[in-house]
Amino acid sequence: MKISRRQFARTAGAGLVFSPALVKTGLAEALDLPAAAPLNTTSKVALVHGDDRRRNVFEALTRIDDQIRPRLARKKYVAIKVNFVSDSIQLAATHVDAVRGILDYLEPRFHGPVTVVESSAQDTQNGYENFHYNSLLEERKARKLSLVDLNRENKYETVSMIDADLHISRVRLAARLLDPDTFVISSAMLKTHNSVVATMSVKNMVLGAPLHSAPGDSLWNDKRKFHVGVRPMNLNMLIVAQQLRPHWGVAVIDGFEGMEGAGPTQGTPVDSRVAVASTDFVAADRVGLELMGINPDWVGYLNFCGQSGVGQFDLSKIEVLGPPIASVQMKYKPHPDIERELKWMGPMTPDTQVGKLELPPEYIYG
């Protein structure tokens, strides 16, 4: 097969000659991506500002009760997906009072099993202990509440994404988060990030779903498969978000104390005192970006999610139930490495392209 230099450059820029599978079928087909388009509907996002973290979360959920109840009624289980990117730094992890606010909302509305789940990048069980989650079991004795480490459980489904060379890569995602009988609640925070600018509901799900080995087992880590450069990372987050989205119930963002600067673990606190909730995870995060004063154009994976219909990213099509965003907005400092993070934007050039292309002998490059 002969290709011209111009054809080669155009195809390489689209990412189609790095893998025989991609050459044959195209990126979307090779990765089994569902067809989608930007949403034309309006999404509702609840916004609460107050002096009590637990109460803020409860009130945010209550404001969209009519959105949640019909979805909740169709499910057998609830999984509250918390965020322990660190198992020891409280500012980097979902606060137990945010989970208490979620449980307060669920108490009179759902009587089936409720499980708090996480696949921490470190040790989930340490996080449950260090952040006082075990106290929930005593407090909610009458309820079917449990704490599960998804890494130790090690039940998964695999999906395809891409690696640094734009080849197909398989990643193991926690089976509980893909269970059609489960109402998944994302309990995230407002935080800046060292690779994708900001992390909230969508990233909590997408990077929380991949598993790694449990303590004592042979080492493996599918979370690392995402960290292959800012371009493929943003695309991989879209790919996994598309797979997880049908199982999402409601997004909760606890911004009582956010993190700015060197997030998602080493940043400094911001006294925002807000909570956000929406059945549209992308819309919740879009409002979160406004609350943090972050340029929405900077966040690749959320732009991709909006463009492909995972959720509503157009602020003009989001109805905010609560105070005007501007009245509670705080200007968060971005991560010090923000210039590198923004290299996903614009056309590919040699200094922003990842991986090294080596054509097989059958390709004649002339």
Protein backbone atom coordinates (compact mmCIF):
# COMPACT_ATOMS: atom_id res chain seq x y z
CA MET A 1 0.00 0.00 0.00
CA LYS A 2 1.42 3.37 -1.02
CA ILE A 3 0.44 6.66 0.56
CA SER A 4 1.65 10.15 -0.20
CA ARG A 5 3.34 12.35 2.36
CA ARG A 6 0.26 14.60 2.43
CA GLN A 7 -2.13 11.65 2.89
CA PHE A 8 0.10 10.25 5.61
CA ALA A 9 0.19 13.52 7.55
CA ARG A 10 -3.57 13.98 7.28
CA THR A 11 -4.31 10.42 8.42
CA ALA A 12 -1.76 10.51 11.22
CA GLY A 13 -3.29 13.74 12.52
CA ALA A 14 -6.64 11.97 12.73
CA GLY A 15 -5.01 9.10 14.60
CA LEU A 16 -5.87 6.48 11.97
CA VAL A 17 -2.53 4.96 10.96
CA PHE A 18 -1.16 4.13 14.37
CA SER A 19 -3.02 0.81 14.55
CA PRO A 20 -4.21 -1.61 11.86
CA ALA A 21 -7.59 -1.79 13.60
CA LEU A 22 -7.97 1.98 13.42
CA VAL A 23 -6.93 2.05 9.76
CA LYS A 24 -9.54 -0.55 8.89
CA THR A 25 -12.54 0.65 10.86
CA GLY A 26 -11.96 4.18 12.09
CA LEU A 27 -11.61 5.31 15.70
CA ALA A 28 -15.27 5.23 16.75
CA GLU A 29 -15.92 1.76 15.34
CA ALA A 30 -12.67 0.31 16.67
CA LEU A 31 -13.53 1.51 20.17
CA ASP A 32 -17.25 0.62 19.95
CA LEU A 33 -18.28 4.20 20.73
CA PRO A 34 -22.03 4.83 20.70
CA ALA A 35 -23.23 7.45 18.25
CA ALA A 36 -24.30 10.66 19.96
CA ALA A 37 -24.85 14.35 19.38
CA PRO A 38 -24.89 17.44 21.62
CA LEU A 39 -28.03 17.68 23.74
CA ASN A 40 -30.73 20.18 22.83
CA THR A 41 -32.63 19.74 26.07
CA THR A 42 -32.34 21.83 29.22
CA SER A 43 -30.76 20.24 32.30
CA LYS A 44 -31.52 21.23 35.88
CA VAL A 45 -28.74 21.78 38.41
CA ALA A 46 -29.41 22.49 42.08
CA LEU A 47 -27.06 24.94 43.79
CA VAL A 48 -27.01 25.54 47.55
CA HIS A 49 -24.86 27.92 49.57
CA GLY A 50 -24.79 27.52 53.34
CA ASP A 51 -22.81 26.99 56.51
CA ASP A 52 -23.47 23.26 57.02
CA ARG A 53 -21.90 20.74 54.62
CA ARG A 54 -24.34 17.93 55.37
CA ARG A 55 -27.36 20.21 55.13
CA ASN A 56 -26.12 21.73 51.86
CA VAL A 57 -25.89 18.31 50.22
CA PHE A 58 -29.30 17.26 51.50
CA GLU A 59 -30.98 20.46 50.28
CA ALA A 60 -29.33 20.24 46.86
CA LEU A 61 -30.74 16.75 46.35
CA THR A 62 -34.15 17.79 47.65
CA ARG A 63 -34.35 20.62 45.10
CA ILE A 64 -34.20 18.10 42.24
CA ASP A 65 -36.29 15.43 43.97
CA ASP A 66 -38.70 15.30 41.03
CA GLN A 67 -35.75 14.47 38.75
CA ILE A 68 -34.30 11.78 41.01
CA ARG A 69 -37.34 9.84 42.21
CA PRO A 70 -38.48 8.33 38.90
CA ARG A 71 -34.97 6.98 38.23
CA LEU A 72 -34.47 5.79 41.79
CA ALA A 73 -37.78 3.91 41.75
CA ARG A 74 -36.57 1.68 38.91
CA LYS A 75 -33.45 0.48 40.73
CA LYS A 76 -32.77 -2.33 43.22
CA TYR A 77 -29.56 -0.98 44.74
CA VAL A 78 -27.78 2.31 45.39
CA ALA A 79 -24.01 2.74 45.06
CA ILE A 80 -22.52 5.96 46.46
CA LYS A 81 -19.23 6.39 44.61
CA VAL A 82 -16.94 8.46 46.83
CA ASN A 83 -13.56 9.91 45.88
CA PHE A 84 -10.42 8.85 47.76
CA VAL A 85 -7.65 9.96 45.41
CA SER A 86 -5.76 10.05 48.70
CA ASP A 87 -6.53 7.68 51.56
CA SER A 88 -5.05 10.06 54.17
CA ILE A 89 -5.53 13.70 53.05
CA GLN A 90 -9.06 14.79 53.98
CA LEU A 91 -9.13 17.81 51.66
CA ALA A 92 -8.52 15.45 48.72
CA ALA A 93 -11.30 13.02 49.67
CA THR A 94 -15.09 12.95 49.95
CA HIS A 95 -16.01 14.10 53.45
CA VAL A 96 -18.15 11.68 55.43
CA ASP A 97 -20.63 14.48 56.20
CA ALA A 98 -21.35 14.80 52.47
CA VAL A 99 -22.26 11.10 52.47
CA ARG A 100 -24.43 11.67 55.55
CA GLY A 101 -26.32 14.32 53.57
CA ILE A 102 -26.88 11.82 50.75
CA LEU A 103 -28.07 9.17 53.21
CA ASP A 104 -30.43 11.71 54.83
CA TYR A 105 -32.01 12.23 51.42
CA LEU A 106 -32.24 8.50 50.66
CA GLU A 107 -33.61 7.48 54.08
CA PRO A 108 -37.33 8.07 53.41
CA ARG A 109 -37.13 7.45 49.66
CA PHE A 110 -35.21 4.20 49.16
CA HIS A 111 -35.42 1.05 51.29
CA GLY A 112 -33.09 -1.30 49.42
CA PRO A 113 -29.38 -1.95 49.96
CA VAL A 114 -27.06 1.07 49.91
CA THR A 115 -23.32 0.58 49.38
CA VAL A 116 -20.55 3.14 49.63
CA VAL A 117 -17.96 2.17 47.01
CA GLU A 118 -14.52 3.30 45.92
CA SER A 119 -11.43 2.04 44.11
CA SER A 120 -8.92 4.44 45.61
CA ALA A 121 -5.63 5.00 43.82
CA GLN A 122 -4.19 4.05 47.23
CA ASP A 123 -5.98 1.78 49.75
CA THR A 124 -9.75 2.20 49.98
CA GLN A 125 -10.00 0.43 53.35
CA ASN A 126 -7.47 2.86 54.83
CA GLY A 127 -9.61 5.70 53.53
CA TYR A 128 -12.74 4.32 55.17
CA GLU A 129 -10.82 4.11 58.44
CA ASN A 130 -8.99 7.44 58.23
CA PHE A 131 -12.04 9.43 57.14
CA HIS A 132 -14.35 7.83 59.75
CA TYR A 133 -16.65 6.05 57.31
CA ASN A 134 -16.93 3.03 59.58
CA SER A 135 -19.03 5.17 61.93
CA LEU A 136 -21.76 5.19 59.26
CA LEU A 137 -22.37 1.49 59.79
CA GLU A 138 -23.19 2.08 63.45
CA GLU A 139 -25.28 5.17 62.72
CA ARG A 140 -27.33 3.41 60.04
CA LYS A 141 -27.73 0.04 61.73
CA ALA A 142 -31.36 -0.25 60.69
CA ARG A 143 -30.42 0.23 57.02
CA LYS A 144 -28.74 -2.17 54.62
CA LEU A 145 -25.54 -0.10 54.42
CA SER A 146 -22.12 -1.47 53.52
CA LEU A 147 -18.66 -0.21 52.58
CA VAL A 148 -16.97 -1.90 49.63
CA ASP A 149 -13.46 -1.64 48.24
CA LEU A 150 -13.91 -2.24 44.52
CA ASN A 151 -10.24 -3.19 44.13
CA ARG A 152 -10.52 -6.01 46.67
CA GLU A 153 -13.87 -7.08 45.23
CA ASN A 154 -12.16 -7.36 41.81
CA LYS A 155 -15.31 -7.80 39.74
CA TYR A 156 -15.08 -6.01 36.44
CA GLU A 157 -16.03 -5.56 32.81
CA THR A 158 -13.50 -4.51 30.20
CA VAL A 159 -13.76 -1.69 27.68
CA SER A 160 -11.46 -0.42 24.94
CA MET A 161 -9.65 2.89 24.89
CA ILE A 162 -6.30 4.06 23.46
CA ASP A 163 -2.72 4.15 24.66
CA ALA A 164 0.03 6.72 24.09
CA ASP A 165 0.65 5.37 20.58
CA LEU A 166 -3.08 5.47 19.75
CA HIS A 167 -3.28 1.68 19.83
CA ILE A 168 -6.21 -0.12 21.43
CA SER A 169 -5.85 -0.66 25.17
CA ARG A 170 -8.19 -2.67 27.40
CA VAL A 171 -9.16 -1.39 30.85
CA ARG A 172 -11.01 -3.16 33.67
CA LEU A 173 -13.94 -1.16 35.10
CA ALA A 174 -15.72 -2.00 38.37
CA ALA A 175 -18.76 -4.14 37.59
CA ARG A 176 -20.94 -2.45 40.23
CA LEU A 177 -20.75 0.82 38.32
CA LEU A 178 -22.06 -0.89 35.17
CA ASP A 179 -24.92 -2.78 36.83
CA PRO A 180 -28.27 -1.75 35.28
CA ASP A 181 -30.02 -2.45 38.60
CA THR A 182 -27.85 0.04 40.49
CA PHE A 183 -28.57 3.74 41.01
CA VAL A 184 -25.09 5.29 40.99
CA ILE A 185 -24.47 8.46 42.98
CA SER A 186 -21.23 10.29 42.37
CA SER A 187 -20.08 12.07 45.53
CA ALA A 188 -17.25 14.34 44.42
CA MET A 189 -15.63 17.67 45.31
CA LEU A 190 -14.53 20.90 43.65
CA LYS A 191 -10.83 20.44 42.90
CA THR A 192 -8.21 21.56 40.43
CA HIS A 193 -6.22 18.80 38.75
CA ASN A 194 -2.66 18.14 37.56
CA SER A 195 -3.61 16.62 34.18
CA VAL A 196 -7.11 17.72 33.12
CA VAL A 197 -7.50 21.13 34.83
CA ALA A 198 -10.47 20.26 37.07
CA THR A 199 -12.02 17.18 38.67
CA MET A 200 -15.62 16.78 39.80
CA SER A 201 -18.47 14.32 39.07
CA VAL A 202 -17.46 12.91 35.70
CA LYS A 203 -13.84 12.37 36.60
CA ASN A 204 -14.81 10.80 39.91
CA MET A 205 -16.68 8.16 37.94
CA VAL A 206 -14.30 7.73 35.02
CA LEU A 207 -11.04 7.46 36.99
CA GLY A 208 -12.74 5.80 39.94
CA ALA A 209 -14.11 2.95 37.82
CA PRO A 210 -10.76 1.44 36.67
CA LEU A 211 -9.32 -1.04 39.15
CA HIS A 212 -5.89 -1.95 40.44
CA SER A 213 -4.55 -4.92 42.36
CA ALA A 214 -5.57 -5.43 45.97
CA PRO A 215 -2.89 -5.30 48.69
CA GLY A 216 -0.88 -8.51 48.69
CA ASP A 217 -1.77 -9.49 45.10
CA SER A 218 0.48 -9.33 42.04
CA LEU A 219 0.82 -5.69 41.05
CA TRP A 220 -1.27 -4.25 38.22
CA ASN A 221 -2.99 -0.88 37.82
CA ASP A 222 -5.46 0.00 35.08
CA LYS A 223 -5.76 3.58 36.32
CA ARG A 224 -2.27 4.18 34.96
CA LYS A 225 -3.52 3.39 31.47
CA PHE A 226 -5.19 6.81 31.43
CA HIS A 227 -1.99 8.72 32.17
CA VAL A 228 -0.55 8.56 28.66
CA GLY A 229 -0.42 12.28 27.81
CA VAL A 230 -3.00 15.03 27.99
CA ARG A 231 -4.46 14.42 24.53
CA PRO A 232 -5.27 10.72 24.83
CA MET A 233 -6.22 11.11 28.49
CA ASN A 234 -9.02 13.54 27.66
CA LEU A 235 -10.25 11.29 24.87
CA ASN A 236 -10.07 8.16 27.05
CA MET A 237 -12.15 9.90 29.69
CA LEU A 238 -14.85 10.52 27.08
CA ILE A 239 -14.73 6.90 25.95
CA VAL A 240 -15.22 5.56 29.48
CA ALA A 241 -17.83 8.22 30.32
CA GLN A 242 -19.90 7.02 27.36
CA GLN A 243 -19.80 3.48 28.72
CA LEU A 244 -20.71 4.50 32.28
CA ARG A 245 -23.36 7.13 31.52
CA PRO A 246 -26.39 4.80 31.13
CA HIS A 247 -25.92 3.74 34.75
CA TRP A 248 -25.51 7.19 36.31
CA GLY A 249 -28.15 8.30 38.80
CA VAL A 250 -27.27 11.65 40.34
CA ALA A 251 -24.14 13.76 40.70
CA VAL A 252 -23.38 15.45 44.01
CA ILE A 253 -20.53 17.94 44.28
CA ASP A 254 -19.55 18.97 47.78
CA GLY A 255 -17.85 22.34 47.46
CA PHE A 256 -18.06 23.26 51.12
CA GLU A 257 -14.27 23.32 51.10
CA GLY A 258 -12.76 23.10 47.63
CA MET A 259 -9.16 22.66 46.55
CA GLU A 260 -7.16 25.05 44.36
CA GLY A 261 -3.60 25.03 43.06
CA ALA A 262 -1.77 21.71 43.09
CA GLY A 263 -4.81 19.44 43.03
CA PRO A 264 -6.04 16.80 43.23
CA THR A 265 -4.04 16.01 46.40
CA GLN A 266 -1.56 18.77 47.26
CA GLY A 267 -3.66 21.90 46.77
CA THR A 268 -4.89 24.42 49.31
CA PRO A 269 -8.44 24.91 50.64
CA VAL A 270 -11.04 27.33 49.32
CA ASP A 271 -13.96 28.23 51.57
CA SER A 272 -16.70 27.98 48.92
CA ARG A 273 -19.52 26.58 51.13
CA VAL A 274 -21.57 25.28 48.20
CA ALA A 275 -23.18 22.03 47.09
CA VAL A 276 -24.33 21.05 43.60
CA ALA A 277 -26.62 18.21 42.48
CA SER A 278 -27.95 17.11 39.10
CA THR A 279 -29.04 13.97 37.28
CA ASP A 280 -26.89 15.33 34.42
CA PHE A 281 -23.28 14.80 35.53
CA VAL A 282 -21.83 17.00 32.77
CA ALA A 283 -24.19 19.87 33.61
CA ALA A 284 -23.26 19.57 37.30
CA ASP A 285 -19.58 19.86 36.39
CA ARG A 286 -20.26 22.75 34.01
CA VAL A 287 -21.78 24.68 36.91
CA GLY A 288 -18.84 23.56 39.06
CA LEU A 289 -16.40 25.15 36.62
CA GLU A 290 -18.31 28.43 36.89
CA LEU A 291 -18.22 28.23 40.68
CA MET A 292 -14.42 27.80 40.49
CA GLY A 293 -14.02 30.58 37.93
CA ILE A 294 -12.30 28.17 35.50
CA ASN A 295 -12.51 28.79 31.76
CA PRO A 296 -14.77 25.96 30.50
CA ASP A 297 -12.86 25.81 27.20
CA TRP A 298 -9.82 24.52 29.11
CA VAL A 299 -11.36 21.22 30.21
CA GLY A 300 -11.04 18.78 27.35
CA TYR A 301 -12.95 15.76 28.57
CA LEU A 302 -15.99 17.82 29.59
CA ASN A 303 -16.03 19.60 26.23
CA PHE A 304 -15.88 16.20 24.52
CA CYS A 305 -18.69 14.89 26.73
CA GLY A 306 -20.84 17.87 25.80
CA GLN A 307 -20.08 17.56 22.10
CA SER A 308 -20.95 13.85 22.06
CA GLY A 309 -24.16 14.05 24.10
CA VAL A 310 -23.00 12.52 27.36
CA GLY A 311 -24.51 15.56 29.06
CA GLN A 312 -25.34 19.24 28.71
CA PHE A 313 -22.27 21.50 28.63
CA ASP A 314 -23.96 24.60 27.20
CA LEU A 315 -24.56 26.89 30.17
CA SER A 316 -27.44 28.63 28.35
CA LYS A 317 -29.28 25.28 28.42
CA ILE A 318 -28.73 24.65 32.13
CA GLU A 319 -31.34 25.83 34.63
CA VAL A 320 -29.71 26.61 37.96
CA LEU A 321 -32.03 26.11 40.93
CA GLY A 322 -30.56 28.32 43.61
CA PRO A 323 -28.63 31.57 43.96
CA PRO A 324 -27.01 33.20 40.92
CA ILE A 325 -23.66 31.53 40.24
CA ALA A 326 -21.88 34.88 40.23
CA SER A 327 -23.01 35.56 43.80
CA VAL A 328 -21.13 32.50 45.15
CA GLN A 329 -18.30 32.20 42.62
CA MET A 330 -14.70 31.96 43.88
CA LYS A 331 -11.66 32.32 41.61
CA TYR A 332 -9.66 29.12 42.11
CA LYS A 333 -5.94 29.19 41.29
CA PRO A 334 -5.17 26.63 38.55
CA HIS A 335 -2.52 23.96 38.92
CA PRO A 336 1.04 25.32 38.47
CA ASP A 337 1.43 23.00 35.45
CA ILE A 338 -1.58 24.46 33.65
CA GLU A 339 0.32 25.26 30.43
CA ARG A 340 1.15 21.59 29.88
CA GLU A 341 -2.43 20.58 30.65
CA LEU A 342 -3.77 22.89 27.95
CA LYS A 343 -1.69 21.26 25.20
CA TRP A 344 -4.68 19.07 24.33
CA MET A 345 -6.15 22.14 22.62
CA GLY A 346 -5.61 23.07 19.00
CA PRO A 347 -4.01 21.04 16.18
CA MET A 348 -1.45 18.33 16.82
CA THR A 349 2.16 19.40 16.34
CA PRO A 350 5.39 17.47 16.93
CA ASP A 351 5.81 18.95 20.43
CA THR A 352 2.25 18.04 21.50
CA GLN A 353 2.03 14.64 19.81
CA VAL A 354 2.65 11.62 21.99
CA GLY A 355 4.23 8.34 20.99
CA LYS A 356 6.60 7.53 18.16
CA LEU A 357 5.32 6.36 14.80
CA GLU A 358 7.14 3.48 13.12
CA LEU A 359 5.53 2.28 9.92
CA PRO A 360 5.55 -1.44 9.16
CA PRO A 361 7.50 -2.46 6.01
CA GLU A 362 4.36 -2.75 3.84
CA TYR A 363 3.86 1.01 4.06
CA ILE A 364 5.98 2.87 1.54
CA TYR A 365 6.48 6.42 2.65
CA GLY A 366 7.69 8.47 -0.28
